[in-house]
PDB file of all heavy atoms in Angstrom:
ATOM      1  N   MET A   1       9.147  -0.168 -31.405  1.00  0.00           N
ATOM      2  CA  MET A   1       8.271   0.431 -30.373  1.00  0.00           C
ATOM      3  C   MET A   1       8.069  -0.495 -29.188  1.00  0.00           C
ATOM      4  O   MET A   1       7.264  -0.098 -28.223  1.00  0.00           O
ATOM      5  CB  MET A   1       6.887   0.750 -31.081  1.00  0.00           C
ATOM      6  CG  MET A   1       6.973   1.857 -32.128  1.00  0.00           C
ATOM      7  SD  MET A   1       6.942   3.423 -31.262  1.00  0.00           S
ATOM      8  CE  MET A   1       5.170   3.650 -30.998  1.00  0.00           C
ATOM      9  N   THR A   2       8.697  -1.613 -29.025  1.00  0.00           N
ATOM     10  CA  THR A   2       8.562  -2.474 -27.935  1.00  0.00           C
ATOM     11  C   THR A   2       8.973  -1.841 -26.623  1.00  0.00           C
ATOM     12  O   THR A   2       8.438  -2.100 -25.527  1.00  0.00           O
ATOM     13  CB  THR A   2       9.234  -3.761 -28.070  1.00  0.00           C
ATOM     14  OG1 THR A   2      10.699  -3.572 -28.482  1.00  0.00           O
ATOM     15  CG2 THR A   2       8.625  -4.642 -29.169  1.00  0.00           C
ATOM     16  N   PHE A   3       9.952  -0.892 -26.745  1.00  0.00           N
ATOM     17  CA  PHE A   3      10.399  -0.158 -25.545  1.00  0.00           C
ATOM     18  C   PHE A   3       9.222   0.729 -24.995  1.00  0.00           C
ATOM     19  O   PHE A   3       9.066   0.812 -23.748  1.00  0.00           O
ATOM     20  CB  PHE A   3      11.670   0.567 -25.768  1.00  0.00           C
ATOM     21  CG  PHE A   3      11.470   1.880 -26.368  1.00  0.00           C
ATOM     22  CD1 PHE A   3      11.326   3.123 -25.588  1.00  0.00           C
ATOM     23  CD2 PHE A   3      11.535   2.044 -27.762  1.00  0.00           C
ATOM     24  CE1 PHE A   3      11.175   4.342 -26.200  1.00  0.00           C
ATOM     25  CE2 PHE A   3      11.399   3.267 -28.352  1.00  0.00           C
ATOM     26  CZ  PHE A   3      11.123   4.427 -27.606  1.00  0.00           C
ATOM     27  N   VAL A   4       8.490   1.313 -25.778  1.00  0.00           N
ATOM     28  CA  VAL A   4       7.348   2.132 -25.378  1.00  0.00           C
ATOM     29  C   VAL A   4       6.272   1.222 -24.796  1.00  0.00           C
ATOM     30  O   VAL A   4       5.647   1.513 -23.811  1.00  0.00           O
ATOM     31  CB  VAL A   4       6.832   3.001 -26.556  1.00  0.00           C
ATOM     32  CG1 VAL A   4       5.605   3.784 -26.014  1.00  0.00           C
ATOM     33  CG2 VAL A   4       7.924   3.850 -27.090  1.00  0.00           C
ATOM     34  N   ALA A   5       5.996   0.132 -25.478  1.00  0.00           N
ATOM     35  CA  ALA A   5       5.007  -0.808 -24.963  1.00  0.00           C
ATOM     36  C   ALA A   5       5.431  -1.402 -23.675  1.00  0.00           C
ATOM     37  O   ALA A   5       4.464  -1.392 -22.660  1.00  0.00           O
ATOM     38  CB  ALA A   5       4.801  -1.983 -25.967  1.00  0.00           C
ATOM     39  N   ALA A   6       6.524  -1.735 -23.453  1.00  0.00           N
ATOM     40  CA  ALA A   6       6.991  -2.297 -22.135  1.00  0.00           C
ATOM     41  C   ALA A   6       6.906  -1.216 -21.010  1.00  0.00           C
ATOM     42  O   ALA A   6       6.369  -1.524 -19.898  1.00  0.00           O
ATOM     43  CB  ALA A   6       8.521  -2.752 -22.207  1.00  0.00           C
ATOM     44  N   PHE A   7       7.225   0.054 -21.411  1.00  0.00           N
ATOM     45  CA  PHE A   7       7.204   1.061 -20.391  1.00  0.00           C
ATOM     46  C   PHE A   7       5.647   1.300 -20.005  1.00  0.00           C
ATOM     47  O   PHE A   7       5.263   1.380 -18.877  1.00  0.00           O
ATOM     48  CB  PHE A   7       7.709   2.366 -20.911  1.00  0.00           C
ATOM     49  CG  PHE A   7       7.509   3.602 -20.200  1.00  0.00           C
ATOM     50  CD1 PHE A   7       8.109   4.017 -19.094  1.00  0.00           C
ATOM     51  CD2 PHE A   7       6.467   4.432 -20.646  1.00  0.00           C
ATOM     52  CE1 PHE A   7       7.776   5.050 -18.369  1.00  0.00           C
ATOM     53  CE2 PHE A   7       6.008   5.556 -20.008  1.00  0.00           C
ATOM     54  CZ  PHE A   7       6.797   5.943 -18.820  1.00  0.00           C
ATOM     55  N   GLY A   8       4.858   1.434 -21.085  1.00  0.00           N
ATOM     56  CA  GLY A   8       3.507   1.835 -20.795  1.00  0.00           C
ATOM     57  C   GLY A   8       2.640   0.806 -20.086  1.00  0.00           C
ATOM     58  O   GLY A   8       2.001   1.136 -19.203  1.00  0.00           O
ATOM     59  N   ILE A   9       2.836  -0.478 -20.461  1.00  0.00           N
ATOM     60  CA  ILE A   9       1.990  -1.545 -19.838  1.00  0.00           C
ATOM     61  C   ILE A   9       2.510  -1.579 -18.291  1.00  0.00           C
ATOM     62  O   ILE A   9       1.626  -1.778 -17.403  1.00  0.00           O
ATOM     63  CB  ILE A   9       2.191  -2.796 -20.573  1.00  0.00           C
ATOM     64  CG1 ILE A   9       1.456  -2.651 -21.988  1.00  0.00           C
ATOM     65  CG2 ILE A   9       1.615  -3.969 -19.785  1.00  0.00           C
ATOM     66  CD1 ILE A   9       1.718  -3.811 -22.943  1.00  0.00           C
ATOM     67  N   THR A  10       3.794  -1.623 -18.139  1.00  0.00           N
ATOM     68  CA  THR A  10       4.282  -1.686 -16.814  1.00  0.00           C
ATOM     69  C   THR A  10       3.754  -0.514 -15.890  1.00  0.00           C
ATOM     70  O   THR A  10       3.447  -0.703 -14.741  1.00  0.00           O
ATOM     71  CB  THR A  10       5.817  -1.827 -16.775  1.00  0.00           C
ATOM     72  OG1 THR A  10       6.216  -2.864 -17.602  1.00  0.00           O
ATOM     73  CG2 THR A  10       6.418  -2.046 -15.353  1.00  0.00           C
ATOM     74  N   LYS A  11       3.968   0.697 -16.480  1.00  0.00           N
ATOM     75  CA  LYS A  11       3.573   1.919 -15.802  1.00  0.00           C
ATOM     76  C   LYS A  11       2.151   1.863 -15.392  1.00  0.00           C
ATOM     77  O   LYS A  11       1.593   2.110 -14.318  1.00  0.00           O
ATOM     78  CB  LYS A  11       3.923   3.126 -16.486  1.00  0.00           C
ATOM     79  CG  LYS A  11       3.546   4.357 -15.703  1.00  0.00           C
ATOM     80  CD  LYS A  11       3.752   5.630 -16.623  1.00  0.00           C
ATOM     81  CE  LYS A  11       3.436   6.898 -15.757  1.00  0.00           C
ATOM     82  NZ  LYS A  11       3.375   8.043 -16.661  1.00  0.00           N
ATOM     83  N   ALA A  12       1.310   1.396 -16.381  1.00  0.00           N
ATOM     84  CA  ALA A  12      -0.184   1.376 -16.118  1.00  0.00           C
ATOM     85  C   ALA A  12      -0.490   0.400 -14.997  1.00  0.00           C
ATOM     86  O   ALA A  12      -1.363   0.827 -14.009  1.00  0.00           O
ATOM     87  CB  ALA A  12      -0.881   0.862 -17.460  1.00  0.00           C
ATOM     88  N   VAL A  13       0.037  -0.729 -14.965  1.00  0.00           N
ATOM     89  CA  VAL A  13      -0.302  -1.695 -13.844  1.00  0.00           C
ATOM     90  C   VAL A  13       0.244  -1.206 -12.640  1.00  0.00           C
ATOM     91  O   VAL A  13      -0.392  -1.318 -11.474  1.00  0.00           O
ATOM     92  CB  VAL A  13       0.191  -3.060 -14.202  1.00  0.00           C
ATOM     93  CG1 VAL A  13       0.072  -4.071 -13.038  1.00  0.00           C
ATOM     94  CG2 VAL A  13      -0.307  -3.656 -15.441  1.00  0.00           C
ATOM     95  N   THR A  14       1.436  -0.641 -12.584  1.00  0.00           N
ATOM     96  CA  THR A  14       2.037  -0.098 -11.383  1.00  0.00           C
ATOM     97  C   THR A  14       1.147   1.091 -10.818  1.00  0.00           C
ATOM     98  O   THR A  14       1.074   1.266  -9.590  1.00  0.00           O
ATOM     99  CB  THR A  14       3.398   0.362 -11.609  1.00  0.00           C
ATOM    100  OG1 THR A  14       4.132  -0.650 -12.235  1.00  0.00           O
ATOM    101  CG2 THR A  14       4.126   0.763 -10.296  1.00  0.00           C
ATOM    102  N   ASN A  15       0.639   1.958 -11.643  1.00  0.00           N
ATOM    103  CA  ASN A  15      -0.309   3.004 -11.203  1.00  0.00           C
ATOM    104  C   ASN A  15      -1.390   2.399 -10.366  1.00  0.00           C
ATOM    105  O   ASN A  15      -1.743   2.934  -9.300  1.00  0.00           O
ATOM    106  CB  ASN A  15      -0.868   3.711 -12.375  1.00  0.00           C
ATOM    107  CG  ASN A  15       0.035   4.623 -13.134  1.00  0.00           C
ATOM    108  OD1 ASN A  15       1.020   5.149 -12.555  1.00  0.00           O
ATOM    109  ND2 ASN A  15      -0.173   4.871 -14.410  1.00  0.00           N
ATOM    110  N   LEU A  16      -2.034   1.326 -10.829  1.00  0.00           N
ATOM    111  CA  LEU A  16      -3.086   0.704 -10.126  1.00  0.00           C
ATOM    112  C   LEU A  16      -2.664   0.297  -8.705  1.00  0.00           C
ATOM    113  O   LEU A  16      -3.235   0.453  -7.701  1.00  0.00           O
ATOM    114  CB  LEU A  16      -3.677  -0.429 -10.856  1.00  0.00           C
ATOM    115  CG  LEU A  16      -4.955  -1.127 -10.429  1.00  0.00           C
ATOM    116  CD1 LEU A  16      -6.105  -0.150 -10.454  1.00  0.00           C
ATOM    117  CD2 LEU A  16      -5.244  -2.319 -11.144  1.00  0.00           C
ATOM    118  N   VAL A  17      -1.490  -0.370  -8.740  1.00  0.00           N
ATOM    119  CA  VAL A  17      -0.881  -0.940  -7.475  1.00  0.00           C
ATOM    120  C   VAL A  17      -0.459   0.287  -6.618  1.00  0.00           C
ATOM    121  O   VAL A  17      -0.828   0.186  -5.408  1.00  0.00           O
ATOM    122  CB  VAL A  17       0.282  -1.793  -7.724  1.00  0.00           C
ATOM    123  CG1 VAL A  17       0.948  -2.285  -6.415  1.00  0.00           C
ATOM    124  CG2 VAL A  17      -0.177  -3.016  -8.529  1.00  0.00           C
ATOM    125  N   ALA A  18      -0.076   1.324  -7.163  1.00  0.00           N
ATOM    126  CA  ALA A  18       0.465   2.487  -6.280  1.00  0.00           C
ATOM    127  C   ALA A  18      -0.751   3.133  -5.589  1.00  0.00           C
ATOM    128  O   ALA A  18      -0.539   3.466  -4.456  1.00  0.00           O
ATOM    129  CB  ALA A  18       1.187   3.485  -7.205  1.00  0.00           C
ATOM    130  N   GLY A  19      -1.840   3.276  -6.268  1.00  0.00           N
ATOM    131  CA  GLY A  19      -2.987   3.867  -5.686  1.00  0.00           C
ATOM    132  C   GLY A  19      -3.613   3.029  -4.459  1.00  0.00           C
ATOM    133  O   GLY A  19      -3.797   3.561  -3.400  1.00  0.00           O
ATOM    134  N   ALA A  20      -3.572   1.697  -4.681  1.00  0.00           N
ATOM    135  CA  ALA A  20      -4.127   0.828  -3.615  1.00  0.00           C
ATOM    136  C   ALA A  20      -3.190   0.906  -2.410  1.00  0.00           C
ATOM    137  O   ALA A  20      -3.549   1.017  -1.230  1.00  0.00           O
ATOM    138  CB  ALA A  20      -4.220  -0.583  -4.048  1.00  0.00           C
ATOM    139  N   LEU A  21      -1.859   0.851  -2.661  1.00  0.00           N
ATOM    140  CA  LEU A  21      -0.758   0.878  -1.671  1.00  0.00           C
ATOM    141  C   LEU A  21      -0.793   2.147  -0.830  1.00  0.00           C
ATOM    142  O   LEU A  21      -0.698   2.293   0.283  1.00  0.00           O
ATOM    143  CB  LEU A  21       0.596   0.567  -2.150  1.00  0.00           C
ATOM    144  CG  LEU A  21       0.821  -0.806  -2.700  1.00  0.00           C
ATOM    145  CD1 LEU A  21       2.283  -0.965  -3.337  1.00  0.00           C
ATOM    146  CD2 LEU A  21       0.686  -1.849  -1.622  1.00  0.00           C
ATOM    147  N   SER A  22      -0.957   3.292  -1.614  1.00  0.00           N
ATOM    148  CA  SER A  22      -0.976   4.615  -1.053  1.00  0.00           C
ATOM    149  C   SER A  22      -2.174   4.815  -0.090  1.00  0.00           C
ATOM    150  O   SER A  22      -1.992   5.429   0.932  1.00  0.00           O
ATOM    151  CB  SER A  22      -1.002   5.696  -2.124  1.00  0.00           C
ATOM    152  OG  SER A  22       0.045   5.698  -2.893  1.00  0.00           O
ATOM    153  N   ASP A  23      -3.370   4.267  -0.443  1.00  0.00           N
ATOM    154  CA  ASP A  23      -4.495   4.261   0.457  1.00  0.00           C
ATOM    155  C   ASP A  23      -4.273   3.359   1.707  1.00  0.00           C
ATOM    156  O   ASP A  23      -4.762   3.780   2.826  1.00  0.00           O
ATOM    157  CB  ASP A  23      -5.691   3.910  -0.279  1.00  0.00           C
ATOM    158  CG  ASP A  23      -6.366   4.992  -1.039  1.00  0.00           C
ATOM    159  OD1 ASP A  23      -6.121   6.176  -0.778  1.00  0.00           O
ATOM    160  OD2 ASP A  23      -7.133   4.637  -1.993  1.00  0.00           O
ATOM    161  N   ARG A  24      -3.593   2.299   1.540  1.00  0.00           N
ATOM    162  CA  ARG A  24      -3.390   1.464   2.702  1.00  0.00           C
ATOM    163  C   ARG A  24      -2.170   1.766   3.620  1.00  0.00           C
ATOM    164  O   ARG A  24      -2.360   1.741   4.772  1.00  0.00           O
ATOM    165  CB  ARG A  24      -3.271  -0.046   2.187  1.00  0.00           C
ATOM    166  CG  ARG A  24      -2.996  -1.089   3.222  1.00  0.00           C
ATOM    167  CD  ARG A  24      -3.118  -2.514   2.727  1.00  0.00           C
ATOM    168  NE  ARG A  24      -4.511  -2.851   2.375  1.00  0.00           N
ATOM    169  CZ  ARG A  24      -4.873  -3.967   2.112  1.00  0.00           C
ATOM    170  NH1 ARG A  24      -3.949  -5.024   1.987  1.00  0.00           N
ATOM    171  NH2 ARG A  24      -6.121  -4.237   1.691  1.00  0.00           N
ATOM    172  N   TYR A  25      -1.025   2.045   2.899  1.00  0.00           N
ATOM    173  CA  TYR A  25       0.233   2.193   3.783  1.00  0.00           C
ATOM    174  C   TYR A  25       0.688   3.581   3.814  1.00  0.00           C
ATOM    175  O   TYR A  25       1.699   3.899   4.588  1.00  0.00           O
ATOM    176  CB  TYR A  25       1.279   1.258   3.177  1.00  0.00           C
ATOM    177  CG  TYR A  25       0.920  -0.156   3.244  1.00  0.00           C
ATOM    178  CD1 TYR A  25       0.635  -0.946   2.102  1.00  0.00           C
ATOM    179  CD2 TYR A  25       0.778  -0.835   4.451  1.00  0.00           C
ATOM    180  CE1 TYR A  25       0.277  -2.215   2.086  1.00  0.00           C
ATOM    181  CE2 TYR A  25       0.407  -2.232   4.480  1.00  0.00           C
ATOM    182  CZ  TYR A  25       0.195  -2.898   3.243  1.00  0.00           C
ATOM    183  OH  TYR A  25      -0.122  -4.244   3.245  1.00  0.00           O
ATOM    184  N   GLY A  26       0.185   4.520   3.000  1.00  0.00           N
ATOM    185  CA  GLY A  26       0.655   5.897   3.046  1.00  0.00           C
ATOM    186  C   GLY A  26       1.341   6.165   1.655  1.00  0.00           C
ATOM    187  O   GLY A  26       1.762   5.244   1.016  1.00  0.00           O
ATOM    188  N   ARG A  27       1.647   7.432   1.409  1.00  0.00           N
ATOM    189  CA  ARG A  27       2.113   7.898   0.041  1.00  0.00           C
ATOM    190  C   ARG A  27       3.654   7.818   0.098  1.00  0.00           C
ATOM    191  O   ARG A  27       4.310   7.387  -0.810  1.00  0.00           O
ATOM    192  CB  ARG A  27       1.732   9.375  -0.139  1.00  0.00           C
ATOM    193  CG  ARG A  27       0.304   9.820  -0.159  1.00  0.00           C
ATOM    194  CD  ARG A  27      -0.805   9.008   0.069  1.00  0.00           C
ATOM    195  NE  ARG A  27      -2.048   9.762   0.034  1.00  0.00           N
ATOM    196  CZ  ARG A  27      -3.230   9.231   0.004  1.00  0.00           C
ATOM    197  NH1 ARG A  27      -3.372   7.882   0.208  1.00  0.00           N
ATOM    198  NH2 ARG A  27      -4.313   9.941   0.026  1.00  0.00           N
ATOM    199  N   ARG A  28       4.338   8.269   1.121  1.00  0.00           N
ATOM    200  CA  ARG A  28       5.805   8.420   1.159  1.00  0.00           C
ATOM    201  C   ARG A  28       6.513   7.117   1.014  1.00  0.00           C
ATOM    202  O   ARG A  28       7.559   6.975   0.182  1.00  0.00           O
ATOM    203  CB  ARG A  28       6.160   9.087   2.543  1.00  0.00           C
ATOM    204  CG  ARG A  28       7.690   9.377   2.677  1.00  0.00           C
ATOM    205  CD  ARG A  28       8.009  10.090   3.957  1.00  0.00           C
ATOM    206  NE  ARG A  28       9.483  10.303   4.080  1.00  0.00           N
ATOM    207  CZ  ARG A  28      10.177   9.413   4.684  1.00  0.00           C
ATOM    208  NH1 ARG A  28       9.674   8.348   5.225  1.00  0.00           N
ATOM    209  NH2 ARG A  28      11.441   9.711   4.846  1.00  0.00           N
ATOM    210  N   PRO A  29       6.138   5.996   1.625  1.00  0.00           N
ATOM    211  CA  PRO A  29       6.850   4.765   1.366  1.00  0.00           C
ATOM    212  C   PRO A  29       6.850   4.296  -0.140  1.00  0.00           C
ATOM    213  O   PRO A  29       7.720   3.743  -0.678  1.00  0.00           O
ATOM    214  CB  PRO A  29       6.174   3.703   2.222  1.00  0.00           C
ATOM    215  CG  PRO A  29       5.482   4.466   3.276  1.00  0.00           C
ATOM    216  CD  PRO A  29       5.088   5.746   2.586  1.00  0.00           C
ATOM    217  N   VAL A  30       5.679   4.509  -0.722  1.00  0.00           N
ATOM    218  CA  VAL A  30       5.492   4.218  -2.146  1.00  0.00           C
ATOM    219  C   VAL A  30       6.385   5.008  -2.980  1.00  0.00           C
ATOM    220  O   VAL A  30       7.041   4.581  -3.950  1.00  0.00           O
ATOM    221  CB  VAL A  30       3.967   4.331  -2.586  1.00  0.00           C
ATOM    222  CG1 VAL A  30       3.860   4.064  -4.054  1.00  0.00           C
ATOM    223  CG2 VAL A  30       3.037   3.470  -1.758  1.00  0.00           C
ATOM    224  N   LEU A  31       6.574   6.330  -2.662  1.00  0.00           N
ATOM    225  CA  LEU A  31       7.433   7.219  -3.383  1.00  0.00           C
ATOM    226  C   LEU A  31       8.856   6.812  -3.345  1.00  0.00           C
ATOM    227  O   LEU A  31       9.567   6.739  -4.372  1.00  0.00           O
ATOM    228  CB  LEU A  31       7.235   8.666  -2.832  1.00  0.00           C
ATOM    229  CG  LEU A  31       8.174   9.800  -3.448  1.00  0.00           C
ATOM    230  CD1 LEU A  31       7.812   9.971  -4.949  1.00  0.00           C
ATOM    231  CD2 LEU A  31       7.962  11.046  -2.645  1.00  0.00           C
ATOM    232  N   ILE A  32       9.380   6.511  -2.173  1.00  0.00           N
ATOM    233  CA  ILE A  32      10.766   6.044  -1.966  1.00  0.00           C
ATOM    234  C   ILE A  32      11.002   4.783  -2.704  1.00  0.00           C
ATOM    235  O   ILE A  32      12.088   4.645  -3.363  1.00  0.00           O
ATOM    236  CB  ILE A  32      11.015   5.900  -0.410  1.00  0.00           C
ATOM    237  CG1 ILE A  32      11.006   7.259   0.227  1.00  0.00           C
ATOM    238  CG2 ILE A  32      12.411   5.302  -0.196  1.00  0.00           C
ATOM    239  CD1 ILE A  32      11.080   7.335   1.695  1.00  0.00           C
ATOM    240  N   ALA A  33      10.042   3.814  -2.631  1.00  0.00           N
ATOM    241  CA  ALA A  33      10.176   2.589  -3.325  1.00  0.00           C
ATOM    242  C   ALA A  33      10.411   2.745  -4.884  1.00  0.00           C
ATOM    243  O   ALA A  33      11.140   2.186  -5.530  1.00  0.00           O
ATOM    244  CB  ALA A  33       9.068   1.605  -2.993  1.00  0.00           C
ATOM    245  N   GLY A  34       9.708   3.685  -5.450  1.00  0.00           N
ATOM    246  CA  GLY A  34       9.683   3.977  -6.785  1.00  0.00           C
ATOM    247  C   GLY A  34      11.112   4.539  -7.180  1.00  0.00           C
ATOM    248  O   GLY A  34      11.699   4.114  -8.318  1.00  0.00           O
ATOM    249  N   TRP A  35      11.720   5.391  -6.389  1.00  0.00           N
ATOM    250  CA  TRP A  35      13.081   5.798  -6.658  1.00  0.00           C
ATOM    251  C   TRP A  35      14.149   4.759  -6.642  1.00  0.00           C
ATOM    252  O   TRP A  35      14.979   4.629  -7.424  1.00  0.00           O
ATOM    253  CB  TRP A  35      13.445   7.031  -5.753  1.00  0.00           C
ATOM    254  CG  TRP A  35      12.836   8.346  -6.207  1.00  0.00           C
ATOM    255  CD1 TRP A  35      11.929   9.072  -5.551  1.00  0.00           C
ATOM    256  CD2 TRP A  35      12.983   8.931  -7.456  1.00  0.00           C
ATOM    257  NE1 TRP A  35      11.586  10.206  -6.186  1.00  0.00           N
ATOM    258  CE2 TRP A  35      12.289  10.159  -7.391  1.00  0.00           C
ATOM    259  CE3 TRP A  35      13.789   8.756  -8.597  1.00  0.00           C
ATOM    260  CZ2 TRP A  35      12.321  11.134  -8.484  1.00  0.00           C
ATOM    261  CZ3 TRP A  35      13.824   9.585  -9.612  1.00  0.00           C
ATOM    262  CH2 TRP A  35      13.004  10.805  -9.537  1.00  0.00           C
ATOM    263  N   LEU A  36      13.990   3.788  -5.647  1.00  0.00           N
ATOM    264  CA  LEU A  36      14.896   2.737  -5.500  1.00  0.00           C
ATOM    265  C   LEU A  36      14.827   1.853  -6.830  1.00  0.00           C
ATOM    266  O   LEU A  36      15.887   1.453  -7.410  1.00  0.00           O
ATOM    267  CB  LEU A  36      14.553   1.928  -4.302  1.00  0.00           C
ATOM    268  CG  LEU A  36      14.850   2.416  -2.997  1.00  0.00           C
ATOM    269  CD1 LEU A  36      14.358   1.668  -1.801  1.00  0.00           C
ATOM    270  CD2 LEU A  36      16.376   2.753  -2.824  1.00  0.00           C
ATOM    271  N   VAL A  37      13.602   1.646  -7.378  1.00  0.00           N
ATOM    272  CA  VAL A  37      13.510   0.835  -8.631  1.00  0.00           C
ATOM    273  C   VAL A  37      14.069   1.614  -9.789  1.00  0.00           C
ATOM    274  O   VAL A  37      14.712   1.002 -10.707  1.00  0.00           O
ATOM    275  CB  VAL A  37      12.002   0.510  -8.921  1.00  0.00           C
ATOM    276  CG1 VAL A  37      11.838  -0.176 -10.234  1.00  0.00           C
ATOM    277  CG2 VAL A  37      11.434  -0.370  -7.714  1.00  0.00           C
ATOM    278  N   GLY A  38      14.023   2.973  -9.829  1.00  0.00           N
ATOM    279  CA  GLY A  38      14.450   3.731 -10.877  1.00  0.00           C
ATOM    280  C   GLY A  38      15.985   3.836 -11.035  1.00  0.00           C
ATOM    281  O   GLY A  38      16.520   4.129 -12.114  1.00  0.00           O
ATOM    282  N   LEU A  39      16.739   3.529  -9.963  1.00  0.00           N
ATOM    283  CA  LEU A  39      18.190   3.840  -9.978  1.00  0.00           C
ATOM    284  C   LEU A  39      18.905   3.067 -11.083  1.00  0.00           C
ATOM    285  O   LEU A  39      19.805   3.551 -11.703  1.00  0.00           O
ATOM    286  CB  LEU A  39      18.723   3.520  -8.565  1.00  0.00           C
ATOM    287  CG  LEU A  39      18.794   4.608  -7.538  1.00  0.00           C
ATOM    288  CD1 LEU A  39      19.368   4.060  -6.224  1.00  0.00           C
ATOM    289  CD2 LEU A  39      19.665   5.752  -8.111  1.00  0.00           C
ATOM    290  N   PRO A  40      18.535   1.742 -11.292  1.00  0.00           N
ATOM    291  CA  PRO A  40      19.357   0.975 -12.356  1.00  0.00           C
ATOM    292  C   PRO A  40      19.053   1.334 -13.759  1.00  0.00           C
ATOM    293  O   PRO A  40      19.769   0.901 -14.616  1.00  0.00           O
ATOM    294  CB  PRO A  40      18.897  -0.420 -12.050  1.00  0.00           C
ATOM    295  CG  PRO A  40      18.198  -0.518 -10.822  1.00  0.00           C
ATOM    296  CD  PRO A  40      17.636   0.857 -10.614  1.00  0.00           C
TER     297      PRO A  40
END
């Protein structure tokens, strides 16, 4: 279950960062950055 734990903890922290970044810099740049990270 370590793969679920790694996913969940990372996603949780990133949600927090995404919300703050979206309020400060806008939604669209955060969305595009997320897809770039997901490609590999």
